[in-house]
N, C-alpha and C. Protein backbone atom coordinates (compact mmCIF):
# COMPACT_ATOMS: atom_id res chain seq x y z
N GLN A 1 114.78 111.99 86.95
CA GLN A 1 113.45 111.36 86.80
C GLN A 1 113.31 109.82 87.77
N VAL A 2 112.10 109.85 88.21
CA VAL A 2 111.98 108.82 89.50
C VAL A 2 111.34 107.83 88.86
N GLN A 3 112.22 107.01 89.51
CA GLN A 3 111.78 105.27 88.92
C GLN A 3 111.57 104.63 89.85
N PHE A 4 110.85 103.36 89.97
CA PHE A 4 110.79 102.63 90.79
C PHE A 4 110.43 100.91 90.15
N VAL A 5 111.36 100.39 90.95
CA VAL A 5 111.70 99.13 90.02
C VAL A 5 111.53 97.94 91.22
N GLU A 6 110.12 97.12 91.14
CA GLU A 6 109.52 96.03 91.81
C GLU A 6 110.33 94.90 91.47
N SER A 7 110.59 93.93 92.59
CA SER A 7 110.95 92.65 92.60
C SER A 7 110.26 91.48 93.58
N GLY A 8 110.65 90.50 93.37
CA GLY A 8 110.13 89.26 94.65
C GLY A 8 109.51 88.25 94.23
N GLY A 9 108.40 88.99 93.04
CA GLY A 9 106.91 88.03 93.16
C GLY A 9 107.58 86.72 92.81
N GLY A 10 106.41 85.82 92.26
CA GLY A 10 106.31 84.58 92.02
C GLY A 10 105.07 83.84 92.28
N LEU A 11 105.27 82.42 92.11
CA LEU A 11 104.20 81.50 92.40
C LEU A 11 104.48 80.83 93.94
N VAL A 12 103.06 80.78 94.50
CA VAL A 12 103.36 80.37 96.37
C VAL A 12 102.12 79.85 96.49
N ARG A 13 101.98 78.86 97.29
CA ARG A 13 100.96 78.08 97.83
C ARG A 13 100.08 79.05 98.60
N PRO A 14 99.09 78.62 98.91
CA PRO A 14 98.30 79.59 100.01
C PRO A 14 98.78 79.13 101.03
N GLY A 15 99.17 80.19 102.12
CA GLY A 15 99.59 79.82 103.52
C GLY A 15 101.08 80.17 103.18
N GLY A 16 101.73 80.34 102.16
CA GLY A 16 103.20 80.49 101.74
C GLY A 16 103.29 82.21 102.40
N SER A 17 104.67 82.80 101.59
CA SER A 17 105.20 83.62 102.10
C SER A 17 106.24 84.22 101.06
N LEU A 18 105.90 85.78 100.78
CA LEU A 18 106.88 86.21 99.83
C LEU A 18 107.42 87.62 100.59
N ARG A 19 108.60 87.88 99.94
CA ARG A 19 109.30 89.33 100.25
C ARG A 19 109.23 90.28 99.36
N LEU A 20 108.38 90.92 98.82
CA LEU A 20 108.64 92.15 97.70
C LEU A 20 109.83 93.30 98.06
N SER A 21 110.49 93.78 97.03
CA SER A 21 111.27 95.06 97.30
C SER A 21 110.94 95.87 96.31
N CYS A 22 111.14 97.01 96.73
CA CYS A 22 111.08 98.55 95.63
C CYS A 22 112.14 99.04 95.75
N ALA A 23 113.13 99.40 94.50
CA ALA A 23 114.35 100.30 94.28
C ALA A 23 113.90 101.39 94.07
N ALA A 24 113.95 102.58 94.70
CA ALA A 24 113.68 104.19 93.85
C ALA A 24 114.73 104.62 93.60
N SER A 25 115.15 104.89 92.26
CA SER A 25 115.94 105.66 92.19
C SER A 25 115.55 107.30 91.39
N GLY A 26 116.44 108.24 91.66
CA GLY A 26 116.12 109.72 91.06
C GLY A 26 115.37 110.40 92.68
N SER A 27 115.91 111.79 92.24
CA SER A 27 115.10 112.22 93.64
C SER A 27 113.67 111.92 94.33
N ILE A 28 113.58 111.39 94.94
CA ILE A 28 112.38 111.60 95.93
C ILE A 28 112.27 111.66 97.47
N SER A 29 113.29 112.20 97.56
CA SER A 29 113.46 113.38 99.15
C SER A 29 111.86 113.71 99.34
N SER A 30 111.55 114.41 98.41
CA SER A 30 110.10 115.54 99.01
C SER A 30 108.99 114.23 99.26
N MET A 31 109.19 112.97 98.88
CA MET A 31 108.21 112.02 98.72
C MET A 31 108.28 111.07 100.05
N SER A 32 107.88 111.92 101.04
CA SER A 32 107.99 111.19 102.61
C SER A 32 106.88 109.67 102.56
N VAL A 33 105.91 109.69 101.39
CA VAL A 33 105.15 108.39 101.99
C VAL A 33 105.61 107.32 100.88
N MET A 34 106.16 106.23 101.00
CA MET A 34 105.68 105.07 99.92
C MET A 34 105.00 104.11 100.32
N GLY A 35 104.15 103.75 99.26
CA GLY A 35 103.19 102.77 99.37
C GLY A 35 103.58 101.40 98.35
N TRP A 36 102.97 100.45 98.61
CA TRP A 36 102.62 99.43 97.88
C TRP A 36 100.58 99.37 97.29
N HIS A 37 101.15 98.94 96.08
CA HIS A 37 99.39 98.85 95.74
C HIS A 37 99.41 97.29 94.80
N ARG A 38 98.00 97.12 94.70
CA ARG A 38 97.91 95.70 93.99
C ARG A 38 96.89 96.19 92.47
N GLN A 39 96.85 95.59 92.15
CA GLN A 39 95.73 95.16 90.54
C GLN A 39 95.53 93.62 90.15
N ALA A 40 94.78 93.41 90.64
CA ALA A 40 94.12 91.90 90.29
C ALA A 40 93.33 91.81 88.76
N PRO A 41 93.35 90.93 87.97
CA PRO A 41 92.72 90.89 86.70
C PRO A 41 91.00 91.68 87.01
N GLY A 42 90.75 92.35 86.32
CA GLY A 42 89.73 92.64 86.14
C GLY A 42 89.54 94.12 86.69
N LYS A 43 90.04 94.61 88.28
CA LYS A 43 89.87 95.02 89.04
C LYS A 43 90.65 96.29 89.17
N GLN A 44 90.11 97.24 89.72
CA GLN A 44 91.20 98.75 90.04
C GLN A 44 92.50 98.39 90.63
N ARG A 45 93.50 99.16 90.33
CA ARG A 45 94.21 99.38 91.49
C ARG A 45 93.85 99.81 92.95
N GLU A 46 94.40 98.84 93.76
CA GLU A 46 93.96 99.17 95.55
C GLU A 46 95.34 99.47 96.21
N LEU A 47 95.56 100.47 96.71
CA LEU A 47 96.76 100.77 98.23
C LEU A 47 96.58 99.54 99.05
N VAL A 48 97.40 98.63 99.17
CA VAL A 48 97.80 97.81 100.13
C VAL A 48 98.26 98.23 101.14
N ALA A 49 99.09 99.05 100.87
CA ALA A 49 100.08 99.30 102.49
C ALA A 49 101.01 100.46 101.77
N SER A 50 101.32 101.62 103.22
CA SER A 50 102.08 102.47 102.79
C SER A 50 102.70 102.58 104.23
N VAL A 51 104.14 103.28 104.09
CA VAL A 51 104.43 103.73 105.64
C VAL A 51 105.32 105.23 105.34
N THR A 52 105.31 105.87 105.92
CA THR A 52 105.78 107.27 105.97
C THR A 52 107.44 107.19 106.51
N ARG A 53 107.93 108.31 106.12
CA ARG A 53 109.48 108.06 106.41
C ARG A 53 109.78 107.91 107.97
N GLY A 54 108.86 108.02 108.35
CA GLY A 54 109.02 107.96 110.35
C GLY A 54 108.80 106.81 110.56
N GLY A 55 107.93 105.95 109.82
CA GLY A 55 107.81 104.66 109.96
C GLY A 55 106.64 104.20 110.55
N ILE A 56 105.37 105.16 110.26
CA ILE A 56 104.08 105.20 110.44
C ILE A 56 103.41 104.28 109.29
N SER A 57 102.65 103.41 109.53
CA SER A 57 102.34 102.59 108.42
C SER A 57 100.63 102.35 108.47
N ASN A 58 100.07 102.15 107.32
CA ASN A 58 98.71 101.81 107.21
C ASN A 58 98.65 100.46 106.37
N TYR A 59 97.23 100.04 106.59
CA TYR A 59 97.55 98.68 105.60
C TYR A 59 95.93 98.97 105.44
N LEU A 60 95.86 97.77 104.26
CA LEU A 60 94.31 97.64 103.46
C LEU A 60 93.81 96.53 104.96
N ASP A 61 92.41 96.44 105.03
CA ASP A 61 92.01 95.51 106.04
C ASP A 61 92.06 94.06 105.49
N SER A 62 92.24 94.00 104.60
CA SER A 62 91.94 92.58 104.15
C SER A 62 93.49 91.77 104.62
N VAL A 63 94.65 92.44 104.69
CA VAL A 63 96.23 92.06 104.77
C VAL A 63 96.56 92.43 106.14
N LYS A 64 95.78 93.21 106.90
CA LYS A 64 96.36 93.50 107.90
C LYS A 64 96.76 92.02 109.06
N GLY A 65 97.94 91.96 109.76
CA GLY A 65 98.27 91.07 110.54
C GLY A 65 99.06 90.05 109.73
N ARG A 66 98.70 90.30 107.65
CA ARG A 66 99.41 89.33 107.33
C ARG A 66 100.70 89.96 106.41
N PHE A 67 100.32 91.14 106.08
CA PHE A 67 101.58 91.95 105.66
C PHE A 67 102.26 92.88 106.61
N THR A 68 103.78 92.82 106.20
CA THR A 68 104.66 94.14 106.64
C THR A 68 105.03 95.15 105.53
N ILE A 69 104.73 96.48 105.72
CA ILE A 69 105.68 97.14 105.14
C ILE A 69 106.64 97.64 105.97
N SER A 70 107.90 98.26 105.42
CA SER A 70 108.79 98.46 105.64
C SER A 70 109.82 99.40 105.12
N ARG A 71 110.70 100.18 105.35
CA ARG A 71 111.69 101.24 104.02
C ARG A 71 112.92 100.95 105.02
N ASP A 72 113.85 101.30 103.77
CA ASP A 72 115.23 101.47 104.25
C ASP A 72 115.47 102.85 103.44
N ASN A 73 115.54 103.99 104.52
CA ASN A 73 115.10 105.40 104.06
C ASN A 73 116.82 105.82 103.19
N ALA A 74 117.87 104.98 103.76
CA ALA A 74 119.26 105.94 103.28
C ALA A 74 119.28 104.85 101.83
N ASN A 75 118.71 103.71 101.55
CA ASN A 75 118.71 103.21 100.27
C ASN A 75 117.61 103.69 99.41
N ASN A 76 116.94 104.11 99.86
CA ASN A 76 115.45 104.22 98.76
C ASN A 76 114.46 102.91 98.43
N THR A 77 114.18 102.53 99.57
CA THR A 77 114.14 101.33 99.10
C THR A 77 112.59 100.90 100.17
N ALA A 78 111.77 100.02 99.78
CA ALA A 78 110.66 99.77 100.46
C ALA A 78 110.51 98.19 100.33
N TYR A 79 110.17 97.72 101.27
CA TYR A 79 109.67 96.02 101.12
C TYR A 79 108.00 96.02 101.71
N LEU A 80 107.73 94.99 101.04
CA LEU A 80 106.55 93.81 101.57
C LEU A 80 106.59 92.67 101.90
N GLN A 81 106.77 92.56 103.49
CA GLN A 81 106.74 91.03 103.86
C GLN A 81 105.27 90.52 103.64
N MET A 82 105.01 89.52 103.06
CA MET A 82 103.66 89.13 102.78
C MET A 82 103.48 87.62 103.34
N ASN A 83 102.97 87.31 104.47
CA ASN A 83 102.85 86.04 105.06
C ASN A 83 101.43 85.57 104.97
N ASN A 84 101.02 84.10 105.16
CA ASN A 84 99.86 83.60 105.29
C ASN A 84 99.02 83.79 104.09
N LEU A 85 99.60 84.05 102.80
CA LEU A 85 99.07 84.46 101.67
C LEU A 85 97.99 83.57 101.17
N LYS A 86 97.32 84.31 100.64
CA LYS A 86 95.54 83.79 100.01
C LYS A 86 95.63 83.74 98.57
N VAL A 87 94.69 82.93 97.76
CA VAL A 87 94.08 82.95 96.32
C VAL A 87 94.03 84.22 96.43
N GLU A 88 93.49 85.17 97.06
CA GLU A 88 92.88 86.47 96.66
C GLU A 88 93.56 87.56 96.84
N ASP A 89 94.82 87.04 96.94
CA ASP A 89 96.22 88.40 96.92
C ASP A 89 96.79 88.13 95.80
N THR A 90 96.45 87.52 94.72
CA THR A 90 96.76 87.00 93.51
C THR A 90 96.78 88.33 92.99
N ALA A 91 97.84 89.35 92.27
CA ALA A 91 97.66 90.33 92.00
C ALA A 91 99.20 90.61 90.97
N VAL A 92 99.26 91.78 90.49
CA VAL A 92 100.52 92.64 90.03
C VAL A 92 100.82 93.43 91.50
N TYR A 93 102.04 93.88 91.91
CA TYR A 93 102.40 94.32 92.83
C TYR A 93 102.86 95.92 92.41
N TYR A 94 102.55 97.06 92.73
CA TYR A 94 103.49 97.82 92.25
C TYR A 94 103.87 98.87 93.63
N CYS A 95 104.69 99.64 93.74
CA CYS A 95 105.83 100.46 94.55
C CYS A 95 105.09 102.29 93.96
N ASN A 96 104.88 103.17 94.65
CA ASN A 96 104.85 104.28 94.54
C ASN A 96 105.44 105.20 95.51
N ALA A 97 105.61 106.45 95.36
CA ALA A 97 105.57 107.26 96.10
C ALA A 97 105.34 108.76 96.43
N ARG A 98 104.81 109.40 97.27
CA ARG A 98 103.87 110.58 96.91
C ARG A 98 104.22 111.59 98.43
N PRO A 99 104.33 113.22 98.20
CA PRO A 99 104.48 113.71 99.48
C PRO A 99 103.31 113.42 100.22
N VAL A 100 103.11 113.84 101.46
CA VAL A 100 101.77 114.08 102.32
C VAL A 100 101.11 114.62 101.94
N GLY A 101 100.08 114.42 102.00
CA GLY A 101 98.51 115.31 101.58
C GLY A 101 98.70 115.03 99.92
N SER A 102 99.25 114.59 99.36
CA SER A 102 99.24 114.51 97.47
C SER A 102 98.90 113.28 97.00
N VAL A 103 98.31 113.33 96.09
CA VAL A 103 98.32 111.63 95.16
C VAL A 103 98.95 110.78 94.78
N TRP A 104 98.68 109.81 94.54
CA TRP A 104 100.05 109.03 93.84
C TRP A 104 100.27 109.51 92.30
N PRO A 105 101.31 109.60 92.17
CA PRO A 105 101.82 110.10 90.69
C PRO A 105 101.44 109.23 89.69
N ASN A 106 100.59 109.43 88.85
CA ASN A 106 100.66 108.09 87.76
C ASN A 106 101.85 107.92 86.75
N GLU A 107 102.64 109.28 87.07
CA GLU A 107 103.65 109.12 85.74
C GLU A 107 104.78 107.89 86.97
N TYR A 108 104.79 107.36 87.87
CA TYR A 108 105.68 106.96 88.36
C TYR A 108 105.41 105.11 88.87
N TRP A 109 104.60 105.05 87.85
CA TRP A 109 103.81 103.47 88.10
C TRP A 109 104.90 102.89 87.43
N GLY A 110 105.56 101.37 87.81
CA GLY A 110 106.49 100.53 86.67
C GLY A 110 105.78 99.88 86.88
N GLN A 111 106.81 98.44 86.40
CA GLN A 111 106.16 97.47 85.43
C GLN A 111 105.55 96.63 86.68
N GLY A 112 105.55 96.75 87.85
CA GLY A 112 105.01 95.75 88.67
C GLY A 112 105.70 94.57 89.02
N THR A 113 105.32 93.90 90.19
CA THR A 113 105.77 92.26 90.09
C THR A 113 104.66 91.41 90.10
N GLN A 114 104.71 90.36 89.46
CA GLN A 114 103.36 89.56 89.54
C GLN A 114 103.95 88.51 90.82
N VAL A 115 102.30 88.16 91.67
CA VAL A 115 102.30 87.21 92.79
C VAL A 115 101.15 86.59 92.33
N THR A 116 101.52 85.35 92.28
CA THR A 116 100.09 84.39 92.19
C THR A 116 100.47 83.16 93.18
N VAL A 117 99.14 83.08 93.79
CA VAL A 117 98.65 82.15 94.66
C VAL A 117 98.03 81.03 94.33
N SER A 118 98.27 80.01 94.24
CA SER A 118 97.54 78.93 93.84
C SER A 118 98.05 77.87 94.71
N SER A 119 97.09 76.89 94.42
CA SER A 119 97.58 75.30 94.98
C SER A 119 97.53 74.40 93.98
């Protein structure tokens, strides 16, 4: 059974940085795309960044230049380095994985990690 455990969230002031980690357990060898999503109160979950096993990444426009996604394929781990954080980045952040061309599996959403950006 696949499971994702997110960590690294916290309270940070605007302009600060955080690094999120996602540890995946179970068989994800067929899930070549890993992604970080977030959900703010009252809003729908949105994809923030994704990265393929080969290192090709994509970002939500509002985080381009500030966030960097990376992964360690050997250890089934993904990271999200978040710099110059803004109040609007406040949300619960989740990771997930999927095969190329598929949707993000609903059954793999974990507890997420809370990121709060506030002065």
